[in-house]
């Protein structure tokens, strides 16, 4: 089968003769991939930002497909079912899972991400077939009326953006600023609108992303030295009620803390790699700010979001800019890394 393997920074390769995975534990399922996507998180190893990432890792943690095989203990799905996988792998039984905190699971993993999350690597979804551990927990059936591409984003970016808006406490009538309008930021933007935000400011240096955000009803704002003054002007001198940070670098989080109003909330969904961000504690104290971080949990939120998609209240496919054959994944990674693509979907 075809897979996409990471071998070195800026070196991903399509392999044509990888072995098809099989069930190795009673709770496993094997899924034939129908759609997968390249996530911004995938760019961290691609750019060499993760030390000791293992060469030969099959990438990708966003995928939908059809179940072809199940282990003896699997009860929730069966061969022939259309399914979406959670990017987060969790056992569903430990203390953390019982609280609904699957990212903190004692056996947590992330498809295609080596041991960056958890201790046991699991091959990812940039492949024709994937072995899925804890299938009853990780896989969700896709109902009639929801397409594979709509469901694809429930496995990560829609859930991540929705969780960011929800943990940010967006309420009807709020002015919400989204810092970073990549795929997760755009999902946070749509989620804030769904939660009743009166205005959403879309802050991004990329003009195409700002235009896409504007097409979704947001007010595009280009960053710059006068950004704080412009946000104050747009919010009657107060600042945004809630700021959703979806970039994952120190500068964007500092911007969020600067433009939020006193007693406002900043929620960060960007995948931060910094170990020592300079926290503006004087500013945070004076404003009495709330700062939260949100990973997103497709296992906990998946059913709610699947219903919202099925009801037509949100359609996440507007972020797709390119559909590319899996065989052209090397060029697809370059395209996405260049910023010329909003979201790339790979088609086996």
C-alpha atoms as a PDB file:
ATOM      1  CA  UNK A   1       0.000   0.000   0.000  1.00  0.00           C
ATOM      2  CA  UNK A   2       0.975   3.660  -0.292  1.00  0.00           C
ATOM      3  CA  UNK A   3       2.050   5.598   2.802  1.00  0.00           C
ATOM      4  CA  UNK A   4       3.693   8.959   3.459  1.00  0.00           C
ATOM      5  CA  UNK A   5       6.794   8.722   5.637  1.00  0.00           C
ATOM      6  CA  UNK A   6       8.827  11.433   7.359  1.00  0.00           C
ATOM      7  CA  UNK A   7      12.570  10.926   6.955  1.00  0.00           C
ATOM      8  CA  UNK A   8      14.187  14.291   7.730  1.00  0.00           C
ATOM      9  CA  UNK A   9      13.282  17.976   7.808  1.00  0.00           C
ATOM     10  CA  UNK A  10      11.544  18.861   4.525  1.00  0.00           C
ATOM     11  CA  UNK A  11      11.884  15.227   3.444  1.00  0.00           C
ATOM     12  CA  UNK A  12       8.629  13.274   3.302  1.00  0.00           C
ATOM     13  CA  UNK A  13       8.379  10.373   0.897  1.00  0.00           C
ATOM     14  CA  UNK A  14       5.564   8.408  -0.677  1.00  0.00           C
ATOM     15  CA  UNK A  15       6.258   4.711  -0.185  1.00  0.00           C
ATOM     16  CA  UNK A  16       4.476   2.364  -2.597  1.00  0.00           C
ATOM     17  CA  UNK A  17       5.115  -1.034  -1.009  1.00  0.00           C
ATOM     18  CA  UNK A  18       4.378  -0.622   2.705  1.00  0.00           C
ATOM     19  CA  UNK A  19       2.678  -3.626   4.348  1.00  0.00           C
ATOM     20  CA  UNK A  20      -1.064  -3.367   4.972  1.00  0.00           C
ATOM     21  CA  UNK A  21      -1.658  -3.224   8.762  1.00  0.00           C
ATOM     22  CA  UNK A  22      -3.652  -5.879  10.559  1.00  0.00           C
ATOM     23  CA  UNK A  23      -5.445  -6.245  13.881  1.00  0.00           C
ATOM     24  CA  UNK A  24      -2.866  -6.871  16.616  1.00  0.00           C
ATOM     25  CA  UNK A  25      -5.030  -6.420  19.729  1.00  0.00           C
ATOM     26  CA  UNK A  26      -8.659  -7.326  20.485  1.00  0.00           C
ATOM     27  CA  UNK A  27      -9.679  -3.661  20.553  1.00  0.00           C
ATOM     28  CA  UNK A  28      -8.126  -2.765  17.190  1.00  0.00           C
ATOM     29  CA  UNK A  29      -9.768  -1.982  13.891  1.00  0.00           C
ATOM     30  CA  UNK A  30      -8.254  -1.570  10.445  1.00  0.00           C
ATOM     31  CA  UNK A  31      -9.636   1.284   8.352  1.00  0.00           C
ATOM     32  CA  UNK A  32      -9.336   1.851   4.609  1.00  0.00           C
ATOM     33  CA  UNK A  33      -8.665   5.573   4.316  1.00  0.00           C
ATOM     34  CA  UNK A  34     -11.022   7.582   2.104  1.00  0.00           C
ATOM     35  CA  UNK A  35      -9.816  11.088   2.991  1.00  0.00           C
ATOM     36  CA  UNK A  36      -6.927  12.447   5.038  1.00  0.00           C
ATOM     37  CA  UNK A  37      -5.555  15.946   5.536  1.00  0.00           C
ATOM     38  CA  UNK A  38      -2.335  17.751   6.309  1.00  0.00           C
ATOM     39  CA  UNK A  39      -2.557  19.620   9.605  1.00  0.00           C
ATOM     40  CA  UNK A  40      -0.515  22.573  10.807  1.00  0.00           C
ATOM     41  CA  UNK A  41       0.741  20.263  13.559  1.00  0.00           C
ATOM     42  CA  UNK A  42       2.263  18.054  10.852  1.00  0.00           C
ATOM     43  CA  UNK A  43       4.460  20.967   9.844  1.00  0.00           C
ATOM     44  CA  UNK A  44       6.398  20.913  13.127  1.00  0.00           C
ATOM     45  CA  UNK A  45       8.289  17.694  12.292  1.00  0.00           C
ATOM     46  CA  UNK A  46       8.283  18.616   8.599  1.00  0.00           C
ATOM     47  CA  UNK A  47      10.212  21.790   9.418  1.00  0.00           C
ATOM     48  CA  UNK A  48      12.562  19.998  11.809  1.00  0.00           C
ATOM     49  CA  UNK A  49      11.107  21.630  14.905  1.00  0.00           C
ATOM     50  CA  UNK A  50      10.795  18.372  16.862  1.00  0.00           C
ATOM     51  CA  UNK A  51      14.118  16.849  17.953  1.00  0.00           C
ATOM     52  CA  UNK A  52      14.577  13.085  17.623  1.00  0.00           C
ATOM     53  CA  UNK A  53      11.483  12.537  15.473  1.00  0.00           C
ATOM     54  CA  UNK A  54      11.872   8.994  14.141  1.00  0.00           C
ATOM     55  CA  UNK A  55      12.654   8.567  10.434  1.00  0.00           C
ATOM     56  CA  UNK A  56      10.119   6.325   8.734  1.00  0.00           C
ATOM     57  CA  UNK A  57       7.165   7.623  10.766  1.00  0.00           C
ATOM     58  CA  UNK A  58       3.935   7.445   8.749  1.00  0.00           C
ATOM     59  CA  UNK A  59       2.430  10.922   9.117  1.00  0.00           C
ATOM     60  CA  UNK A  60      -1.096  12.254   9.495  1.00  0.00           C
ATOM     61  CA  UNK A  61      -3.747  12.334  12.200  1.00  0.00           C
ATOM     62  CA  UNK A  62      -6.832  13.554  10.320  1.00  0.00           C
ATOM     63  CA  UNK A  63      -8.606  10.810   8.376  1.00  0.00           C
ATOM     64  CA  UNK A  64     -11.924   9.208   7.539  1.00  0.00           C
ATOM     65  CA  UNK A  65     -12.504   5.837   5.990  1.00  0.00           C
ATOM     66  CA  UNK A  66     -14.297   2.513   5.968  1.00  0.00           C
ATOM     67  CA  UNK A  67     -13.756  -0.230   8.549  1.00  0.00           C
ATOM     68  CA  UNK A  68     -12.404  -3.400   6.929  1.00  0.00           C
ATOM     69  CA  UNK A  69     -11.468  -5.502   9.968  1.00  0.00           C
ATOM     70  CA  UNK A  70     -12.131  -5.470  13.717  1.00  0.00           C
ATOM     71  CA  UNK A  71     -10.724  -7.255  16.749  1.00  0.00           C
ATOM     72  CA  UNK A  72     -12.797  -9.592  18.890  1.00  0.00           C
ATOM     73  CA  UNK A  73     -13.558  -6.944  21.539  1.00  0.00           C
ATOM     74  CA  UNK A  74     -14.774  -4.213  19.168  1.00  0.00           C
ATOM     75  CA  UNK A  75     -18.512  -3.580  19.486  1.00  0.00           C
ATOM     76  CA  UNK A  76     -19.112   0.007  18.336  1.00  0.00           C
ATOM     77  CA  UNK A  77     -18.135  -0.339  14.682  1.00  0.00           C
ATOM     78  CA  UNK A  78     -18.107  -3.174  12.182  1.00  0.00           C
ATOM     79  CA  UNK A  79     -16.707  -3.812   8.697  1.00  0.00           C
ATOM     80  CA  UNK A  80     -18.363  -1.602   6.118  1.00  0.00           C
ATOM     81  CA  UNK A  81     -19.024   1.310   8.498  1.00  0.00           C
ATOM     82  CA  UNK A  82     -17.923   4.799   7.441  1.00  0.00           C
ATOM     83  CA  UNK A  83     -15.946   6.304  10.313  1.00  0.00           C
ATOM     84  CA  UNK A  84     -13.913   9.309  11.386  1.00  0.00           C
ATOM     85  CA  UNK A  85     -10.941   8.859  13.704  1.00  0.00           C
ATOM     86  CA  UNK A  86     -10.124  11.099  16.624  1.00  0.00           C
ATOM     87  CA  UNK A  87      -6.605  12.434  16.276  1.00  0.00           C
ATOM     88  CA  UNK A  88      -6.175  11.678  19.988  1.00  0.00           C
ATOM     89  CA  UNK A  89      -5.853   7.988  20.873  1.00  0.00           C
ATOM     90  CA  UNK A  90      -7.232   7.119  24.309  1.00  0.00           C
ATOM     91  CA  UNK A  91      -8.172   3.958  26.174  1.00  0.00           C
ATOM     92  CA  UNK A  92     -11.562   5.158  27.437  1.00  0.00           C
ATOM     93  CA  UNK A  93     -11.127   3.391  30.784  1.00  0.00           C
ATOM     94  CA  UNK A  94      -8.525   5.180  32.920  1.00  0.00           C
ATOM     95  CA  UNK A  95      -9.329   7.867  35.494  1.00  0.00           C
ATOM     96  CA  UNK A  96      -8.652  10.701  33.041  1.00  0.00           C
ATOM     97  CA  UNK A  97     -10.818   9.171  30.323  1.00  0.00           C
ATOM     98  CA  UNK A  98     -13.657   8.702  32.814  1.00  0.00           C
ATOM     99  CA  UNK A  99     -13.516  12.453  33.468  1.00  0.00           C
ATOM    100  CA  UNK A 100     -13.734  13.050  29.714  1.00  0.00           C
ATOM    101  CA  UNK A 101     -10.114  14.281  29.556  1.00  0.00           C
ATOM    102  CA  UNK A 102      -8.843  12.005  26.809  1.00  0.00           C
ATOM    103  CA  UNK A 103      -5.719  13.985  25.970  1.00  0.00           C
ATOM    104  CA  UNK A 104      -4.465  13.168  29.456  1.00  0.00           C
ATOM    105  CA  UNK A 105      -5.177   9.425  29.081  1.00  0.00           C
ATOM    106  CA  UNK A 106      -2.593   7.159  30.670  1.00  0.00           C
ATOM    107  CA  UNK A 107      -2.124   5.489  27.256  1.00  0.00           C
ATOM    108  CA  UNK A 108      -2.552   8.621  25.140  1.00  0.00           C
ATOM    109  CA  UNK A 109      -1.158   8.757  21.635  1.00  0.00           C
ATOM    110  CA  UNK A 110      -1.487  10.768  18.446  1.00  0.00           C
ATOM    111  CA  UNK A 111      -1.598   9.165  15.018  1.00  0.00           C
ATOM    112  CA  UNK A 112       1.538   9.807  12.980  1.00  0.00           C
ATOM    113  CA  UNK A 113       3.340  11.792  15.668  1.00  0.00           C
ATOM    114  CA  UNK A 114       5.941   9.348  16.955  1.00  0.00           C
ATOM    115  CA  UNK A 115       6.310   9.674  20.741  1.00  0.00           C
ATOM    116  CA  UNK A 116       5.724  13.421  20.938  1.00  0.00           C
ATOM    117  CA  UNK A 117       2.344  12.579  22.514  1.00  0.00           C
ATOM    118  CA  UNK A 118       2.468   9.387  24.565  1.00  0.00           C
ATOM    119  CA  UNK A 119       5.122   6.687  24.594  1.00  0.00           C
ATOM    120  CA  UNK A 120       3.891   4.295  21.909  1.00  0.00           C
ATOM    121  CA  UNK A 121       4.073   5.479  18.289  1.00  0.00           C
ATOM    122  CA  UNK A 122       1.090   4.706  16.058  1.00  0.00           C
ATOM    123  CA  UNK A 123       1.328   4.952  12.264  1.00  0.00           C
ATOM    124  CA  UNK A 124      -0.713   7.820  10.851  1.00  0.00           C
ATOM    125  CA  UNK A 125      -3.489   8.381   8.359  1.00  0.00           C
ATOM    126  CA  UNK A 126      -1.470   9.504   5.349  1.00  0.00           C
ATOM    127  CA  UNK A 127      -1.816   5.981   4.046  1.00  0.00           C
ATOM    128  CA  UNK A 128      -4.249   3.695   2.274  1.00  0.00           C
ATOM    129  CA  UNK A 129      -4.923   1.694   5.461  1.00  0.00           C
ATOM    130  CA  UNK A 130      -4.530   2.459   9.178  1.00  0.00           C
ATOM    131  CA  UNK A 131      -4.588   0.322  12.310  1.00  0.00           C
ATOM    132  CA  UNK A 132      -6.702   2.042  14.970  1.00  0.00           C
ATOM    133  CA  UNK A 133      -6.154   1.094  18.631  1.00  0.00           C
ATOM    134  CA  UNK A 134      -9.082   1.322  21.086  1.00  0.00           C
ATOM    135  CA  UNK A 135     -11.403   1.442  18.087  1.00  0.00           C
ATOM    136  CA  UNK A 136     -14.609   1.703  20.138  1.00  0.00           C
ATOM    137  CA  UNK A 137     -13.273   4.916  21.700  1.00  0.00           C
ATOM    138  CA  UNK A 138     -11.300   6.435  18.829  1.00  0.00           C
ATOM    139  CA  UNK A 139     -13.659   5.792  15.901  1.00  0.00           C
ATOM    140  CA  UNK A 140     -17.060   7.429  15.400  1.00  0.00           C
ATOM    141  CA  UNK A 141     -19.561   6.295  12.764  1.00  0.00           C
ATOM    142  CA  UNK A 142     -20.430   8.874  10.105  1.00  0.00           C
ATOM    143  CA  UNK A 143     -24.211   9.172   9.716  1.00  0.00           C
ATOM    144  CA  UNK A 144     -26.070   9.460   6.435  1.00  0.00           C
ATOM    145  CA  UNK A 145     -26.219  13.069   5.303  1.00  0.00           C
ATOM    146  CA  UNK A 146     -22.644  13.853   6.412  1.00  0.00           C
ATOM    147  CA  UNK A 147     -19.907  13.569   3.802  1.00  0.00           C
ATOM    148  CA  UNK A 148     -16.476  12.090   4.416  1.00  0.00           C
ATOM    149  CA  UNK A 149     -14.904  15.535   4.021  1.00  0.00           C
ATOM    150  CA  UNK A 150     -17.291  17.160   6.497  1.00  0.00           C
ATOM    151  CA  UNK A 151     -16.610  14.436   9.046  1.00  0.00           C
ATOM    152  CA  UNK A 152     -12.859  14.619   8.432  1.00  0.00           C
ATOM    153  CA  UNK A 153     -12.533  17.867  10.348  1.00  0.00           C
ATOM    154  CA  UNK A 154     -14.466  16.618  13.380  1.00  0.00           C
ATOM    155  CA  UNK A 155     -11.398  14.457  13.988  1.00  0.00           C
ATOM    156  CA  UNK A 156      -9.254  17.510  14.727  1.00  0.00           C
ATOM    157  CA  UNK A 157      -9.529  21.083  13.494  1.00  0.00           C
ATOM    158  CA  UNK A 158     -13.270  21.653  13.912  1.00  0.00           C
ATOM    159  CA  UNK A 159     -13.138  20.135  17.380  1.00  0.00           C
ATOM    160  CA  UNK A 160     -10.045  22.157  18.259  1.00  0.00           C
ATOM    161  CA  UNK A 161     -11.566  25.450  17.100  1.00  0.00           C
ATOM    162  CA  UNK A 162     -14.893  24.715  18.789  1.00  0.00           C
ATOM    163  CA  UNK A 163     -13.208  23.760  22.069  1.00  0.00           C
ATOM    164  CA  UNK A 164     -11.157  26.957  21.951  1.00  0.00           C
ATOM    165  CA  UNK A 165     -14.282  29.102  21.582  1.00  0.00           C
ATOM    166  CA  UNK A 166     -16.112  27.145  24.258  1.00  0.00           C
ATOM    167  CA  UNK A 167     -13.262  27.296  26.789  1.00  0.00           C
ATOM    168  CA  UNK A 168     -12.865  30.958  25.917  1.00  0.00           C
ATOM    169  CA  UNK A 169     -16.400  31.434  27.217  1.00  0.00           C
ATOM    170  CA  UNK A 170     -17.798  33.109  24.095  1.00  0.00           C
ATOM    171  CA  UNK A 171     -21.283  34.438  24.861  1.00  0.00           C
ATOM    172  CA  UNK A 172     -24.025  36.036  22.760  1.00  0.00           C
ATOM    173  CA  UNK A 173     -23.150  39.650  21.978  1.00  0.00           C
ATOM    174  CA  UNK A 174     -19.391  39.288  22.534  1.00  0.00           C
ATOM    175  CA  UNK A 175     -16.721  40.873  20.381  1.00  0.00           C
ATOM    176  CA  UNK A 176     -14.281  38.052  19.644  1.00  0.00           C
ATOM    177  CA  UNK A 177     -10.832  38.427  18.093  1.00  0.00           C
ATOM    178  CA  UNK A 178      -9.202  35.438  16.415  1.00  0.00           C
ATOM    179  CA  UNK A 179      -5.427  35.673  16.165  1.00  0.00           C
ATOM    180  CA  UNK A 180      -4.344  33.447  13.299  1.00  0.00           C
ATOM    181  CA  UNK A 181      -6.811  32.437  10.591  1.00  0.00           C
ATOM    182  CA  UNK A 182      -5.367  29.145   9.487  1.00  0.00           C
ATOM    183  CA  UNK A 183      -7.700  26.142   9.533  1.00  0.00           C
ATOM    184  CA  UNK A 184      -8.032  26.002  13.337  1.00  0.00           C
ATOM    185  CA  UNK A 185      -8.509  29.757  13.616  1.00  0.00           C
ATOM    186  CA  UNK A 186     -11.190  29.672  10.937  1.00  0.00           C
ATOM    187  CA  UNK A 187     -12.977  26.890  12.830  1.00  0.00           C
ATOM    188  CA  UNK A 188     -12.730  28.924  16.032  1.00  0.00           C
ATOM    189  CA  UNK A 189     -14.181  31.875  14.131  1.00  0.00           C
ATOM    190  CA  UNK A 190     -17.166  29.850  12.890  1.00  0.00           C
ATOM    191  CA  UNK A 191     -17.683  28.362  16.344  1.00  0.00           C
ATOM    192  CA  UNK A 192     -17.695  31.810  17.961  1.00  0.00           C
ATOM    193  CA  UNK A 193     -20.368  32.881  15.491  1.00  0.00           C
ATOM    194  CA  UNK A 194     -22.359  29.754  16.298  1.00  0.00           C
ATOM    195  CA  UNK A 195     -22.160  30.679  19.990  1.00  0.00           C
ATOM    196  CA  UNK A 196     -23.645  34.102  19.306  1.00  0.00           C
ATOM    197  CA  UNK A 197     -20.674  36.451  18.969  1.00  0.00           C
ATOM    198  CA  UNK A 198     -21.860  39.800  17.672  1.00  0.00           C
ATOM    199  CA  UNK A 199     -18.580  40.565  15.884  1.00  0.00           C
ATOM    200  CA  UNK A 200     -15.513  38.512  15.073  1.00  0.00           C
ATOM    201  CA  UNK A 201     -12.236  40.210  14.201  1.00  0.00           C
ATOM    202  CA  UNK A 202     -10.017  38.003  12.027  1.00  0.00           C
ATOM    203  CA  UNK A 203      -6.336  38.889  12.489  1.00  0.00           C
ATOM    204  CA  UNK A 204      -3.826  37.329  10.087  1.00  0.00           C
ATOM    205  CA  UNK A 205      -0.950  38.599   7.925  1.00  0.00           C
ATOM    206  CA  UNK A 206      -2.065  36.427   4.992  1.00  0.00           C
ATOM    207  CA  UNK A 207      -4.442  38.319   2.727  1.00  0.00           C
ATOM    208  CA  UNK A 208      -6.034  35.170   1.329  1.00  0.00           C
ATOM    209  CA  UNK A 209      -6.878  33.955   4.815  1.00  0.00           C
ATOM    210  CA  UNK A 210      -8.328  37.333   5.747  1.00  0.00           C
ATOM    211  CA  UNK A 211     -10.454  37.234   2.610  1.00  0.00           C
ATOM    212  CA  UNK A 212     -11.692  33.752   3.476  1.00  0.00           C
ATOM    213  CA  UNK A 213     -12.538  34.906   6.998  1.00  0.00           C
ATOM    214  CA  UNK A 214     -14.389  37.922   5.564  1.00  0.00           C
ATOM    215  CA  UNK A 215     -16.383  35.627   3.295  1.00  0.00           C
ATOM    216  CA  UNK A 216     -17.524  33.858   6.469  1.00  0.00           C
ATOM    217  CA  UNK A 217     -18.774  37.093   7.997  1.00  0.00           C
ATOM    218  CA  UNK A 218     -15.758  38.181  10.045  1.00  0.00           C
ATOM    219  CA  UNK A 219     -14.046  41.595   9.988  1.00  0.00           C
ATOM    220  CA  UNK A 220     -10.528  41.137   8.559  1.00  0.00           C
ATOM    221  CA  UNK A 221      -7.675  42.918  10.300  1.00  0.00           C
ATOM    222  CA  UNK A 222      -4.050  42.903   9.146  1.00  0.00           C
ATOM    223  CA  UNK A 223      -1.506  42.851  11.992  1.00  0.00           C
ATOM    224  CA  UNK A 224       0.960  45.682  12.418  1.00  0.00           C
ATOM    225  CA  UNK A 225       2.473  48.074  14.929  1.00  0.00           C
ATOM    226  CA  UNK A 226      -0.885  49.826  15.332  1.00  0.00           C
ATOM    227  CA  UNK A 227      -2.898  46.613  15.843  1.00  0.00           C
ATOM    228  CA  UNK A 228      -3.780  47.271  19.472  1.00  0.00           C
ATOM    229  CA  UNK A 229      -4.910  50.810  18.705  1.00  0.00           C
ATOM    230  CA  UNK A 230      -7.077  49.565  15.826  1.00  0.00           C
ATOM    231  CA  UNK A 231      -8.682  46.854  17.964  1.00  0.00           C
ATOM    232  CA  UNK A 232      -9.396  49.434  20.676  1.00  0.00           C
ATOM    233  CA  UNK A 233     -10.936  51.698  18.068  1.00  0.00           C
ATOM    234  CA  UNK A 234     -13.124  48.854  16.778  1.00  0.00           C
ATOM    235  CA  UNK A 235     -14.279  47.960  20.303  1.00  0.00           C
ATOM    236  CA  UNK A 236     -15.108  51.412  21.726  1.00  0.00           C
ATOM    237  CA  UNK A 237     -11.798  51.592  23.565  1.00  0.00           C
ATOM    238  CA  UNK A 238     -12.243  48.384  25.568  1.00  0.00           C
ATOM    239  CA  UNK A 239     -10.573  45.579  23.620  1.00  0.00           C
ATOM    240  CA  UNK A 240     -12.039  42.233  22.634  1.00  0.00           C
ATOM    241  CA  UNK A 241     -14.172  40.367  25.157  1.00  0.00           C
ATOM    242  CA  UNK A 242     -12.556  37.082  24.144  1.00  0.00           C
ATOM    243  CA  UNK A 243      -9.402  36.445  22.125  1.00  0.00           C
ATOM    244  CA  UNK A 244      -8.844  33.042  20.532  1.00  0.00           C
ATOM    245  CA  UNK A 245      -5.174  32.431  19.729  1.00  0.00           C
ATOM    246  CA  UNK A 246      -4.636  29.826  16.998  1.00  0.00           C
ATOM    247  CA  UNK A 247      -1.035  30.245  15.872  1.00  0.00           C
ATOM    248  CA  UNK A 248       1.157  28.666  18.525  1.00  0.00           C
ATOM    249  CA  UNK A 249       4.051  31.122  18.792  1.00  0.00           C
ATOM    250  CA  UNK A 250       4.940  33.493  21.619  1.00  0.00           C
ATOM    251  CA  UNK A 251       4.297  36.632  19.577  1.00  0.00           C
ATOM    252  CA  UNK A 252       0.716  35.655  18.796  1.00  0.00           C
ATOM    253  CA  UNK A 253      -0.084  34.850  22.418  1.00  0.00           C
ATOM    254  CA  UNK A 254       1.438  38.137  23.556  1.00  0.00           C
ATOM    255  CA  UNK A 255      -0.702  39.911  20.952  1.00  0.00           C
ATOM    256  CA  UNK A 256      -3.796  38.167  22.318  1.00  0.00           C
ATOM    257  CA  UNK A 257      -2.999  39.285  25.858  1.00  0.00           C
ATOM    258  CA  UNK A 258      -2.498  42.829  24.625  1.00  0.00           C
ATOM    259  CA  UNK A 259      -5.779  43.227  22.701  1.00  0.00           C
ATOM    260  CA  UNK A 260      -8.162  41.530  25.156  1.00  0.00           C
ATOM    261  CA  UNK A 261     -10.206  43.863  27.340  1.00  0.00           C
ATOM    262  CA  UNK A 262      -9.783  44.047  31.133  1.00  0.00           C
ATOM    263  CA  UNK A 263     -11.362  40.982  32.771  1.00  0.00           C
ATOM    264  CA  UNK A 264     -11.474  39.340  29.376  1.00  0.00           C
ATOM    265  CA  UNK A 265     -10.414  35.822  28.438  1.00  0.00           C
ATOM    266  CA  UNK A 266      -7.680  34.546  26.162  1.00  0.00           C
ATOM    267  CA  UNK A 267      -7.867  30.933  25.050  1.00  0.00           C
ATOM    268  CA  UNK A 268      -4.922  29.470  23.169  1.00  0.00           C
ATOM    269  CA  UNK A 269      -5.434  26.549  20.808  1.00  0.00           C
ATOM    270  CA  UNK A 270      -2.189  27.023  18.902  1.00  0.00           C
ATOM    271  CA  UNK A 271       0.264  24.163  19.382  1.00  0.00           C
ATOM    272  CA  UNK A 272       2.940  25.958  21.420  1.00  0.00           C
ATOM    273  CA  UNK A 273       6.488  24.632  21.459  1.00  0.00           C
ATOM    274  CA  UNK A 274       8.087  27.392  23.559  1.00  0.00           C
ATOM    275  CA  UNK A 275       9.372  26.362  26.969  1.00  0.00           C
ATOM    276  CA  UNK A 276       9.855  29.869  28.372  1.00  0.00           C
ATOM    277  CA  UNK A 277       7.402  32.410  27.005  1.00  0.00           C
ATOM    278  CA  UNK A 278       7.952  35.878  28.545  1.00  0.00           C
ATOM    279  CA  UNK A 279       4.638  36.304  30.387  1.00  0.00           C
ATOM    280  CA  UNK A 280       3.543  39.960  30.793  1.00  0.00           C
ATOM    281  CA  UNK A 281       2.434  39.439  34.379  1.00  0.00           C
ATOM    282  CA  UNK A 282       2.063  43.146  35.145  1.00  0.00           C
ATOM    283  CA  UNK A 283      -0.366  43.548  32.255  1.00  0.00           C
ATOM    284  CA  UNK A 284      -2.224  40.316  33.074  1.00  0.00           C
ATOM    285  CA  UNK A 285      -2.574  41.324  36.717  1.00  0.00           C
ATOM    286  CA  UNK A 286      -3.694  44.862  35.950  1.00  0.00           C
ATOM    287  CA  UNK A 287      -6.315  43.594  33.498  1.00  0.00           C
ATOM    288  CA  UNK A 288      -7.322  40.683  35.782  1.00  0.00           C
ATOM    289  CA  UNK A 289      -7.168  38.387  32.778  1.00  0.00           C
ATOM    290  CA  UNK A 290      -8.134  34.757  32.390  1.00  0.00           C
ATOM    291  CA  UNK A 291      -5.727  32.701  30.265  1.00  0.00           C
ATOM    292  CA  UNK A 292      -6.653  29.204  29.169  1.00  0.00           C
ATOM    293  CA  UNK A 293      -5.211  26.568  26.882  1.00  0.00           C
ATOM    294  CA  UNK A 294      -7.257  24.129  24.853  1.00  0.00           C
ATOM    295  CA  UNK A 295      -6.185  21.062  22.889  1.00  0.00           C
ATOM    296  CA  UNK A 296      -9.590  19.884  21.676  1.00  0.00           C
ATOM    297  CA  UNK A 297     -11.080  16.430  22.253  1.00  0.00           C
ATOM    298  CA  UNK A 298     -12.885  14.739  19.347  1.00  0.00           C
ATOM    299  CA  UNK A 299     -13.855  11.824  21.587  1.00  0.00           C
ATOM    300  CA  UNK A 300     -15.804  14.065  23.981  1.00  0.00           C
ATOM    301  CA  UNK A 301     -17.098  16.598  21.451  1.00  0.00           C
ATOM    302  CA  UNK A 302     -17.492  14.453  18.359  1.00  0.00           C
ATOM    303  CA  UNK A 303     -21.169  13.576  18.742  1.00  0.00           C
ATOM    304  CA  UNK A 304     -22.186  17.203  19.373  1.00  0.00           C
ATOM    305  CA  UNK A 305     -20.262  18.422  16.362  1.00  0.00           C
ATOM    306  CA  UNK A 306     -21.459  15.614  14.126  1.00  0.00           C
ATOM    307  CA  UNK A 307     -25.042  16.650  14.946  1.00  0.00           C
ATOM    308  CA  UNK A 308     -24.281  20.309  14.185  1.00  0.00           C
ATOM    309  CA  UNK A 309     -22.818  19.322  10.817  1.00  0.00           C
ATOM    310  CA  UNK A 310     -25.716  16.980  10.051  1.00  0.00           C
ATOM    311  CA  UNK A 311     -28.195  19.751  10.897  1.00  0.00           C
ATOM    312  CA  UNK A 312     -26.413  22.130   8.523  1.00  0.00           C
ATOM    313  CA  UNK A 313     -25.489  24.566  11.282  1.00  0.00           C
ATOM    314  CA  UNK A 314     -21.810  24.402  10.408  1.00  0.00           C
ATOM    315  CA  UNK A 315     -20.002  23.101   7.327  1.00  0.00           C
ATOM    316  CA  UNK A 316     -16.238  22.932   7.866  1.00  0.00           C
ATOM    317  CA  UNK A 317     -15.347  22.123   4.248  1.00  0.00           C
ATOM    318  CA  UNK A 318     -15.065  25.796   3.316  1.00  0.00           C
ATOM    319  CA  UNK A 319     -11.415  25.657   4.461  1.00  0.00           C
ATOM    320  CA  UNK A 320     -10.423  23.138   1.776  1.00  0.00           C
ATOM    321  CA  UNK A 321      -8.319  24.847  -0.878  1.00  0.00           C
ATOM    322  CA  UNK A 322      -6.687  21.816  -2.497  1.00  0.00           C
ATOM    323  CA  UNK A 323      -7.506  18.139  -3.034  1.00  0.00           C
ATOM    324  CA  UNK A 324      -4.395  16.181  -3.969  1.00  0.00           C
ATOM    325  CA  UNK A 325      -3.789  12.470  -4.689  1.00  0.00           C
ATOM    326  CA  UNK A 326      -1.929  10.676  -1.901  1.00  0.00           C
ATOM    327  CA  UNK A 327       0.747   9.865  -4.462  1.00  0.00           C
ATOM    328  CA  UNK A 328       1.536  13.608  -4.682  1.00  0.00           C
ATOM    329  CA  UNK A 329       1.865  14.138  -0.917  1.00  0.00           C
ATOM    330  CA  UNK A 330       5.450  15.370  -1.159  1.00  0.00           C
ATOM    331  CA  UNK A 331       4.350  18.346  -3.249  1.00  0.00           C
ATOM    332  CA  UNK A 332       1.256  18.782  -1.057  1.00  0.00           C
ATOM    333  CA  UNK A 333       3.441  19.264   2.025  1.00  0.00           C
ATOM    334  CA  UNK A 334       5.490  21.901   0.193  1.00  0.00           C
ATOM    335  CA  UNK A 335       2.312  23.651  -0.914  1.00  0.00           C
ATOM    336  CA  UNK A 336       0.841  23.738   2.591  1.00  0.00           C
ATOM    337  CA  UNK A 337       4.125  24.808   4.184  1.00  0.00           C
ATOM    338  CA  UNK A 338       4.401  27.704   1.724  1.00  0.00           C
ATOM    339  CA  UNK A 339       1.158  29.290   2.947  1.00  0.00           C
ATOM    340  CA  UNK A 340      -0.375  29.061  -0.532  1.00  0.00           C
ATOM    341  CA  UNK A 341      -2.908  26.487   0.650  1.00  0.00           C
ATOM    342  CA  UNK A 342      -5.461  26.905   3.416  1.00  0.00           C
ATOM    343  CA  UNK A 343      -6.169  23.195   3.846  1.00  0.00           C
ATOM    344  CA  UNK A 344      -4.934  20.271   1.781  1.00  0.00           C
ATOM    345  CA  UNK A 345      -6.968  17.061   1.601  1.00  0.00           C
ATOM    346  CA  UNK A 346      -5.212  13.909   0.427  1.00  0.00           C
ATOM    347  CA  UNK A 347      -7.192  11.396  -1.619  1.00  0.00           C
ATOM    348  CA  UNK A 348      -5.861   7.808  -1.702  1.00  0.00           C
END
